[in-house]
Amino acid sequence: MSKKMILVVAVVGLTAFGAITGCGTTSATSGPAPAAATTSTASGNNSQSHAQHAGTGQNNASSVASAMLNFNTLYDAANQYVTKNKKNLSNLYPFYLEQHGYLSTHFGGFAKSSPKFNWTKNGGWVGPWPGKQLQYGVGYVTTLAGATPIFDHYKQIANRIYFPYPHVFSAASAKSMNAKTEGQLLIIFPMP
């Protein structure tokens, strides 16, 4: 399935899902980095931000499509930033990306002074990742059903994939999980 087709399906699914649920509260993971993640509740006010319901354990086509849409959007914003800024990843975090036009403000990034500045209010995560080479991570809280198509789409270009973080994710590890397994999908990418 092409990226355009996935986005069209996701947008249609998001619109229907938001209209059906009318929900304004979401589940998000907070913390300064994935290793220190804890569970908390964050409010989402924009109707388009209902894509984050993929992380609530709902296992349907709409939540899977919305997880893909949100992850793709976070990845595209991060990739544009790192392509433009090459070796300076100090401002690679959602709030900065929102303030500088790389990412829609509906994600709800936090200021750098916040301990959860790499997170969004809808369960997204963006930031530099330590290693021997310069690399960066993009994450999203979802279910195994939501993580699998994202894994399939990005596995060829990823340095490493975790789900649920901190466990390394593979097609083999997915077979031992329940489709409703929930956690953070985190993909580490090389610099473009």
C-alpha atoms as a PDB file:
ATOM      1  CA  MET A   1       0.000   0.000   0.000  1.00  0.00           C
ATOM      2  CA  SER A   2       1.457   3.389  -0.955  1.00  0.00           C
ATOM      3  CA  LYS A   3       2.106   6.150   1.583  1.00  0.00           C
ATOM      4  CA  LYS A   4      -0.580   8.335  -0.058  1.00  0.00           C
ATOM      5  CA  MET A   5      -3.129   5.527   0.189  1.00  0.00           C
ATOM      6  CA  ILE A   6      -2.259   4.942   3.839  1.00  0.00           C
ATOM      7  CA  LEU A   7      -2.662   8.646   4.603  1.00  0.00           C
ATOM      8  CA  VAL A   8      -6.033   8.808   2.845  1.00  0.00           C
ATOM      9  CA  VAL A   9      -7.255   5.741   4.733  1.00  0.00           C
ATOM     10  CA  ALA A  10      -5.903   7.166   7.994  1.00  0.00           C
ATOM     11  CA  VAL A  11      -7.523  10.587   7.526  1.00  0.00           C
ATOM     12  CA  VAL A  12     -10.894   9.024   6.701  1.00  0.00           C
ATOM     13  CA  GLY A  13     -10.532   6.693   9.671  1.00  0.00           C
ATOM     14  CA  LEU A  14      -9.522   9.542  11.986  1.00  0.00           C
ATOM     15  CA  THR A  15     -12.513  11.630  10.978  1.00  0.00           C
ATOM     16  CA  ALA A  16     -14.917   8.752  11.586  1.00  0.00           C
ATOM     17  CA  PHE A  17     -13.200   7.708  14.820  1.00  0.00           C
ATOM     18  CA  GLY A  18     -13.249  11.240  16.260  1.00  0.00           C
ATOM     19  CA  ALA A  19     -16.891  11.711  15.325  1.00  0.00           C
ATOM     20  CA  ILE A  20     -17.889   8.373  16.856  1.00  0.00           C
ATOM     21  CA  THR A  21     -15.960   8.670  20.121  1.00  0.00           C
ATOM     22  CA  GLY A  22     -16.159  12.422  20.775  1.00  0.00           C
ATOM     23  CA  CYS A  23     -13.429  11.738  23.283  1.00  0.00           C
ATOM     24  CA  GLY A  24     -11.142  14.535  24.589  1.00  0.00           C
ATOM     25  CA  THR A  25      -8.878  12.659  27.008  1.00  0.00           C
ATOM     26  CA  THR A  26      -6.022  10.510  25.890  1.00  0.00           C
ATOM     27  CA  SER A  27      -3.478   8.157  27.355  1.00  0.00           C
ATOM     28  CA  ALA A  28       0.125   9.289  26.966  1.00  0.00           C
ATOM     29  CA  THR A  29       3.472   8.275  28.311  1.00  0.00           C
ATOM     30  CA  SER A  30       5.599  10.938  29.933  1.00  0.00           C
ATOM     31  CA  GLY A  31       9.192  11.193  31.017  1.00  0.00           C
ATOM     32  CA  PRO A  32      12.471  12.694  29.920  1.00  0.00           C
ATOM     33  CA  ALA A  33      13.397   9.709  27.745  1.00  0.00           C
ATOM     34  CA  PRO A  34      11.881   6.354  26.868  1.00  0.00           C
ATOM     35  CA  ALA A  35      13.851   4.560  29.570  1.00  0.00           C
ATOM     36  CA  ALA A  36      12.211   6.709  32.248  1.00  0.00           C
ATOM     37  CA  ALA A  37       8.680   6.419  30.873  1.00  0.00           C
ATOM     38  CA  THR A  38       5.739   6.446  33.271  1.00  0.00           C
ATOM     39  CA  THR A  39       2.030   6.543  32.560  1.00  0.00           C
ATOM     40  CA  SER A  40       0.055   9.750  32.896  1.00  0.00           C
ATOM     41  CA  THR A  41      -3.028  11.398  31.420  1.00  0.00           C
ATOM     42  CA  ALA A  42      -2.865  14.293  29.007  1.00  0.00           C
ATOM     43  CA  SER A  43      -5.711  16.281  27.472  1.00  0.00           C
ATOM     44  CA  GLY A  44      -6.061  16.691  23.732  1.00  0.00           C
ATOM     45  CA  ASN A  45      -8.321  19.516  22.559  1.00  0.00           C
ATOM     46  CA  ASN A  46      -8.035  19.341  18.778  1.00  0.00           C
ATOM     47  CA  SER A  47     -10.406  16.888  17.105  1.00  0.00           C
ATOM     48  CA  GLN A  48      -7.596  15.798  14.772  1.00  0.00           C
ATOM     49  CA  SER A  49      -5.567  14.661  17.784  1.00  0.00           C
ATOM     50  CA  HIS A  50      -7.893  11.701  18.322  1.00  0.00           C
ATOM     51  CA  ALA A  51      -5.337   9.591  16.458  1.00  0.00           C
ATOM     52  CA  GLN A  52      -3.711   8.976  19.824  1.00  0.00           C
ATOM     53  CA  HIS A  53      -6.510   6.561  20.748  1.00  0.00           C
ATOM     54  CA  ALA A  54      -4.365   3.846  19.196  1.00  0.00           C
ATOM     55  CA  GLY A  55      -2.670   3.758  22.593  1.00  0.00           C
ATOM     56  CA  THR A  56      -5.886   3.084  24.533  1.00  0.00           C
ATOM     57  CA  GLY A  57      -6.052  -0.592  23.708  1.00  0.00           C
ATOM     58  CA  GLN A  58      -8.696  -0.191  21.013  1.00  0.00           C
ATOM     59  CA  ASN A  59      -7.900  -2.633  18.249  1.00  0.00           C
ATOM     60  CA  ASN A  60      -9.656  -1.565  15.078  1.00  0.00           C
ATOM     61  CA  ALA A  61      -8.746  -0.383  11.605  1.00  0.00           C
ATOM     62  CA  SER A  62      -9.213   3.251  12.576  1.00  0.00           C
ATOM     63  CA  SER A  63      -6.756   3.122  15.488  1.00  0.00           C
ATOM     64  CA  VAL A  64      -4.210   1.198  13.396  1.00  0.00           C
ATOM     65  CA  ALA A  65      -4.491   3.762  10.592  1.00  0.00           C
ATOM     66  CA  SER A  66      -4.238   6.653  13.039  1.00  0.00           C
ATOM     67  CA  ALA A  67      -1.102   5.159  14.634  1.00  0.00           C
ATOM     68  CA  MET A  68       0.467   4.951  11.168  1.00  0.00           C
ATOM     69  CA  LEU A  69      -0.594   8.510  10.317  1.00  0.00           C
ATOM     70  CA  ASN A  70       0.763   9.938  13.576  1.00  0.00           C
ATOM     71  CA  PHE A  71       4.032   8.015  13.335  1.00  0.00           C
ATOM     72  CA  ASN A  72       4.525   9.033   9.677  1.00  0.00           C
ATOM     73  CA  THR A  73       3.866  12.671  10.570  1.00  0.00           C
ATOM     74  CA  LEU A  74       6.376  12.593  13.440  1.00  0.00           C
ATOM     75  CA  TYR A  75       8.955  10.833  11.257  1.00  0.00           C
ATOM     76  CA  ASP A  76       8.496  13.297   8.373  1.00  0.00           C
ATOM     77  CA  ALA A  77       8.926  16.289  10.714  1.00  0.00           C
ATOM     78  CA  ALA A  78      12.025  14.796  12.376  1.00  0.00           C
ATOM     79  CA  ASN A  79      13.535  13.779   9.034  1.00  0.00           C
ATOM     80  CA  GLN A  80      13.023  17.274   7.599  1.00  0.00           C
ATOM     81  CA  TYR A  81      14.684  18.792  10.665  1.00  0.00           C
ATOM     82  CA  VAL A  82      17.723  16.465  10.615  1.00  0.00           C
ATOM     83  CA  THR A  83      18.121  16.846   6.839  1.00  0.00           C
ATOM     84  CA  LYS A  84      18.251  20.628   7.229  1.00  0.00           C
ATOM     85  CA  ASN A  85      20.327  20.721  10.437  1.00  0.00           C
ATOM     86  CA  LYS A  86      22.671  17.753   9.770  1.00  0.00           C
ATOM     87  CA  LYS A  87      24.878  17.513  12.857  1.00  0.00           C
ATOM     88  CA  ASN A  88      22.965  19.762  15.279  1.00  0.00           C
ATOM     89  CA  LEU A  89      20.219  17.723  16.918  1.00  0.00           C
ATOM     90  CA  SER A  90      19.936  19.913  20.033  1.00  0.00           C
ATOM     91  CA  ASN A  91      16.515  21.208  18.966  1.00  0.00           C
ATOM     92  CA  LEU A  92      15.109  17.901  17.801  1.00  0.00           C
ATOM     93  CA  TYR A  93      12.057  17.721  20.053  1.00  0.00           C
ATOM     94  CA  PRO A  94       8.320  18.074  19.264  1.00  0.00           C
ATOM     95  CA  PHE A  95       7.672  21.560  20.663  1.00  0.00           C
ATOM     96  CA  TYR A  96      10.553  23.027  18.646  1.00  0.00           C
ATOM     97  CA  LEU A  97       9.326  21.179  15.545  1.00  0.00           C
ATOM     98  CA  GLU A  98       5.842  22.640  16.118  1.00  0.00           C
ATOM     99  CA  GLN A  99       7.135  26.180  16.680  1.00  0.00           C
ATOM    100  CA  HIS A 100       9.221  26.086  13.487  1.00  0.00           C
ATOM    101  CA  GLY A 101       6.631  24.621  11.128  1.00  0.00           C
ATOM    102  CA  TYR A 102       7.917  21.058  10.853  1.00  0.00           C
ATOM    103  CA  LEU A 103       5.023  19.578  12.868  1.00  0.00           C
ATOM    104  CA  SER A 104       1.387  20.514  13.461  1.00  0.00           C
ATOM    105  CA  THR A 105       0.719  22.030  16.884  1.00  0.00           C
ATOM    106  CA  HIS A 106      -2.112  19.547  17.491  1.00  0.00           C
ATOM    107  CA  PHE A 107       0.499  17.056  18.707  1.00  0.00           C
ATOM    108  CA  GLY A 108       1.009  19.146  21.837  1.00  0.00           C
ATOM    109  CA  GLY A 109       4.764  19.209  22.397  1.00  0.00           C
ATOM    110  CA  PHE A 110       6.304  20.358  25.674  1.00  0.00           C
ATOM    111  CA  ALA A 111       8.819  23.179  26.186  1.00  0.00           C
ATOM    112  CA  LYS A 112      12.460  22.132  26.574  1.00  0.00           C
ATOM    113  CA  SER A 113      12.324  23.114  30.248  1.00  0.00           C
ATOM    114  CA  SER A 114       9.822  20.287  30.860  1.00  0.00           C
ATOM    115  CA  PRO A 115      11.129  16.854  31.882  1.00  0.00           C
ATOM    116  CA  LYS A 116       8.917  15.385  29.136  1.00  0.00           C
ATOM    117  CA  PHE A 117      10.106  17.690  26.339  1.00  0.00           C
ATOM    118  CA  ASN A 118      10.733  14.785  23.921  1.00  0.00           C
ATOM    119  CA  TRP A 119       7.088  13.695  24.254  1.00  0.00           C
ATOM    120  CA  THR A 120       3.808  14.911  22.786  1.00  0.00           C
ATOM    121  CA  LYS A 121       0.477  14.944  24.574  1.00  0.00           C
ATOM    122  CA  ASN A 122      -0.765  12.194  22.251  1.00  0.00           C
ATOM    123  CA  GLY A 123       2.003   9.679  22.965  1.00  0.00           C
ATOM    124  CA  GLY A 124       4.591  10.690  20.364  1.00  0.00           C
ATOM    125  CA  TRP A 125       8.327  10.888  21.054  1.00  0.00           C
ATOM    126  CA  VAL A 126      11.089  12.557  18.988  1.00  0.00           C
ATOM    127  CA  GLY A 127      14.725  13.166  19.857  1.00  0.00           C
ATOM    128  CA  PRO A 128      18.408  12.448  19.322  1.00  0.00           C
ATOM    129  CA  TRP A 129      19.518   8.919  20.231  1.00  0.00           C
ATOM    130  CA  PRO A 130      22.908   8.022  21.715  1.00  0.00           C
ATOM    131  CA  GLY A 131      25.246   5.725  19.850  1.00  0.00           C
ATOM    132  CA  LYS A 132      28.542   5.460  17.989  1.00  0.00           C
ATOM    133  CA  GLN A 133      27.012   7.377  15.091  1.00  0.00           C
ATOM    134  CA  LEU A 134      24.697  10.370  15.007  1.00  0.00           C
ATOM    135  CA  GLN A 135      21.126   9.041  14.957  1.00  0.00           C
ATOM    136  CA  TYR A 136      17.631   9.975  16.097  1.00  0.00           C
ATOM    137  CA  GLY A 137      14.495   8.284  17.368  1.00  0.00           C
ATOM    138  CA  VAL A 138      10.794   8.570  16.630  1.00  0.00           C
ATOM    139  CA  GLY A 139       8.257   6.854  18.850  1.00  0.00           C
ATOM    140  CA  TYR A 140       4.539   6.459  19.361  1.00  0.00           C
ATOM    141  CA  VAL A 141       2.428   4.701  21.983  1.00  0.00           C
ATOM    142  CA  THR A 142       0.266   2.078  20.284  1.00  0.00           C
ATOM    143  CA  THR A 143      -0.768  -1.567  20.295  1.00  0.00           C
ATOM    144  CA  LEU A 144       0.969  -4.435  18.510  1.00  0.00           C
ATOM    145  CA  ALA A 145      -1.746  -4.142  15.842  1.00  0.00           C
ATOM    146  CA  GLY A 146      -0.727  -0.501  15.329  1.00  0.00           C
ATOM    147  CA  ALA A 147       3.016  -1.158  15.577  1.00  0.00           C
ATOM    148  CA  THR A 148       3.187  -3.984  13.025  1.00  0.00           C
ATOM    149  CA  PRO A 149       2.450  -1.985   9.838  1.00  0.00           C
ATOM    150  CA  ILE A 150       4.793   0.783  11.020  1.00  0.00           C
ATOM    151  CA  PHE A 151       7.517  -1.824  11.645  1.00  0.00           C
ATOM    152  CA  ASP A 152       6.938  -3.303   8.177  1.00  0.00           C
ATOM    153  CA  HIS A 153       7.124   0.138   6.557  1.00  0.00           C
ATOM    154  CA  TYR A 154      10.330   1.362   8.263  1.00  0.00           C
ATOM    155  CA  LYS A 155      12.346  -1.806   9.021  1.00  0.00           C
ATOM    156  CA  GLN A 156      14.559  -1.452   5.931  1.00  0.00           C
ATOM    157  CA  ILE A 157      15.846   2.006   6.924  1.00  0.00           C
ATOM    158  CA  ALA A 158      15.879   1.661  10.734  1.00  0.00           C
ATOM    159  CA  ASN A 159      18.982   1.124  12.856  1.00  0.00           C
ATOM    160  CA  ARG A 160      16.900  -0.539  15.572  1.00  0.00           C
ATOM    161  CA  ILE A 161      13.212  -0.972  16.457  1.00  0.00           C
ATOM    162  CA  TYR A 162      11.791  -1.408  19.956  1.00  0.00           C
ATOM    163  CA  PHE A 163       8.289  -2.535  20.979  1.00  0.00           C
ATOM    164  CA  PRO A 164       7.220  -2.299  23.635  1.00  0.00           C
ATOM    165  CA  TYR A 165      10.224  -0.192  24.563  1.00  0.00           C
ATOM    166  CA  PRO A 166      12.833  -1.257  25.797  1.00  0.00           C
ATOM    167  CA  HIS A 167      12.386  -4.645  24.070  1.00  0.00           C
ATOM    168  CA  VAL A 168      13.901  -5.064  20.602  1.00  0.00           C
ATOM    169  CA  PHE A 169      11.088  -5.722  18.130  1.00  0.00           C
ATOM    170  CA  SER A 170      11.163  -8.203  15.269  1.00  0.00           C
ATOM    171  CA  ALA A 171       8.711 -10.270  13.244  1.00  0.00           C
ATOM    172  CA  ALA A 172       9.636 -13.231  15.463  1.00  0.00           C
ATOM    173  CA  SER A 173       9.030 -11.355  18.740  1.00  0.00           C
ATOM    174  CA  ALA A 174       5.678 -10.110  17.423  1.00  0.00           C
ATOM    175  CA  LYS A 175       4.467 -13.707  17.084  1.00  0.00           C
ATOM    176  CA  SER A 176       4.736 -14.194  20.842  1.00  0.00           C
ATOM    177  CA  MET A 177       2.628 -11.097  21.631  1.00  0.00           C
ATOM    178  CA  ASN A 178      -1.085 -10.498  21.844  1.00  0.00           C
ATOM    179  CA  ALA A 179      -2.435  -8.003  19.257  1.00  0.00           C
ATOM    180  CA  LYS A 180      -3.606  -5.829  22.156  1.00  0.00           C
ATOM    181  CA  THR A 181      -0.118  -5.617  23.690  1.00  0.00           C
ATOM    182  CA  GLU A 182       0.415  -1.905  24.258  1.00  0.00           C
ATOM    183  CA  GLY A 183       3.527   0.190  24.663  1.00  0.00           C
ATOM    184  CA  GLN A 184       5.875   2.576  22.961  1.00  0.00           C
ATOM    185  CA  LEU A 185       7.044   1.741  19.467  1.00  0.00           C
ATOM    186  CA  LEU A 186      10.443   3.414  19.135  1.00  0.00           C
ATOM    187  CA  ILE A 187      12.416   3.387  15.906  1.00  0.00           C
ATOM    188  CA  ILE A 188      16.019   4.577  15.745  1.00  0.00           C
ATOM    189  CA  PHE A 189      17.034   6.065  12.386  1.00  0.00           C
ATOM    190  CA  PRO A 190      20.428   6.887  10.860  1.00  0.00           C
ATOM    191  CA  MET A 191      21.061  10.423   9.685  1.00  0.00           C
ATOM    192  CA  PRO A 192      19.863  10.982   6.096  1.00  0.00           C
END
